[in-house]
Amino acid sequence: MSTEQQRQITPRRSGRAPRRWKLWLVTVSTLYPLLLALSTISAPLDHEWPTAARLALLVPIAVALMVWVISPWQQRRFGSWMSR
């Protein structure tokens, strides 16, 4: 594979990791409403469950949404601001 082909395949990186406070801010501002929505939606089904069981249901769903849906969107939306 030529160098030109590798450049086309390899994504470009800014070389700078986002500042931790910006990463924290974006994550918290997304995770809080997500967990609030999930717990509100699941409340009729699991309100009598112990806390550990409710978390065992909600955490994998929240993490999956964060990894495959929300974080990629956040990177597109806030990537330039986070890398400044």
Protein backbone atom coordinates (compact mmCIF):
# COMPACT_ATOMS: atom_id res chain seq x y z
CA MET A 1 0.00 0.00 0.00
CA SER A 2 1.39 3.36 -0.95
CA THR A 3 1.86 6.23 1.46
CA GLU A 4 -0.86 8.20 -0.32
CA GLN A 5 -3.36 5.36 0.15
CA GLN A 6 -2.46 5.13 3.84
CA ARG A 7 -3.06 8.87 4.29
CA GLN A 8 -6.51 8.51 2.78
CA ILE A 9 -7.38 5.64 5.13
CA THR A 10 -5.80 6.96 8.30
CA PRO A 11 -7.96 9.58 10.06
CA ARG A 12 -6.30 12.89 10.77
CA ARG A 13 -5.75 13.86 14.37
CA SER A 14 -5.15 17.28 15.71
CA GLY A 15 -2.35 15.91 17.86
CA ARG A 16 -3.77 17.45 20.99
CA ALA A 17 -5.87 15.59 23.49
CA PRO A 18 -8.82 17.56 24.81
CA ARG A 19 -8.36 19.31 28.11
CA ARG A 20 -9.69 17.16 30.88
CA TRP A 21 -12.11 19.78 32.19
CA LYS A 22 -13.69 20.13 28.75
CA LEU A 23 -14.03 16.37 28.40
CA TRP A 24 -15.55 16.24 31.90
CA LEU A 25 -17.98 19.07 31.13
CA VAL A 26 -19.23 17.55 27.87
CA THR A 27 -19.53 14.08 29.41
CA VAL A 28 -21.40 15.23 32.52
CA SER A 29 -23.72 17.47 30.52
CA THR A 30 -24.68 14.45 28.44
CA LEU A 31 -24.58 11.65 31.00
CA TYR A 32 -26.77 13.35 33.60
CA PRO A 33 -29.78 13.89 31.30
CA LEU A 34 -29.28 10.44 29.78
CA LEU A 35 -29.37 8.71 33.17
CA LEU A 36 -32.29 10.88 34.26
CA ALA A 37 -34.26 9.92 31.13
CA LEU A 38 -33.41 6.23 31.41
CA SER A 39 -34.34 6.09 35.08
CA THR A 40 -37.61 7.92 34.42
CA ILE A 41 -38.50 5.62 31.53
CA SER A 42 -37.64 2.45 33.45
CA ALA A 43 -39.25 3.53 36.75
CA PRO A 44 -42.60 1.82 36.12
CA LEU A 45 -40.78 -1.46 35.44
CA ASP A 46 -38.09 -1.47 38.11
CA HIS A 47 -39.25 0.83 40.93
CA GLU A 48 -39.45 -2.09 43.37
CA TRP A 49 -36.05 -3.51 42.43
CA PRO A 50 -33.04 -3.04 44.69
CA THR A 51 -30.71 -0.21 43.67
CA ALA A 52 -27.99 -2.63 42.52
CA ALA A 53 -30.42 -4.38 40.17
CA ARG A 54 -31.68 -1.07 38.73
CA LEU A 55 -28.10 0.03 38.11
CA ALA A 56 -27.29 -3.35 36.54
CA LEU A 57 -30.04 -2.60 34.03
CA LEU A 58 -29.36 1.10 33.42
CA VAL A 59 -25.56 1.29 33.34
CA PRO A 60 -25.01 -1.09 30.37
CA ILE A 61 -27.69 0.73 28.39
CA ALA A 62 -26.22 4.15 29.23
CA VAL A 63 -22.66 3.05 28.40
CA ALA A 64 -23.74 1.51 25.09
CA LEU A 65 -25.54 4.72 24.13
CA MET A 66 -22.54 6.81 25.17
CA VAL A 67 -20.02 4.67 23.23
CA TRP A 68 -21.94 4.08 20.00
CA VAL A 69 -24.31 7.02 19.70
CA ILE A 70 -23.60 9.99 21.92
CA SER A 71 -19.78 10.15 22.05
CA PRO A 72 -19.35 10.05 18.24
CA TRP A 73 -21.92 12.83 17.97
CA GLN A 74 -20.13 14.80 20.71
CA GLN A 75 -16.82 14.44 18.90
CA ARG A 76 -18.32 15.82 15.70
CA ARG A 77 -20.19 18.61 17.49
CA PHE A 78 -17.61 19.72 20.06
CA GLY A 79 -14.33 18.36 18.65
CA SER A 80 -12.89 21.66 17.49
CA TRP A 81 -13.75 23.39 20.77
CA MET A 82 -12.36 20.54 22.86
CA SER A 83 -9.05 20.47 21.01
CA ARG A 84 -8.44 24.22 21.44
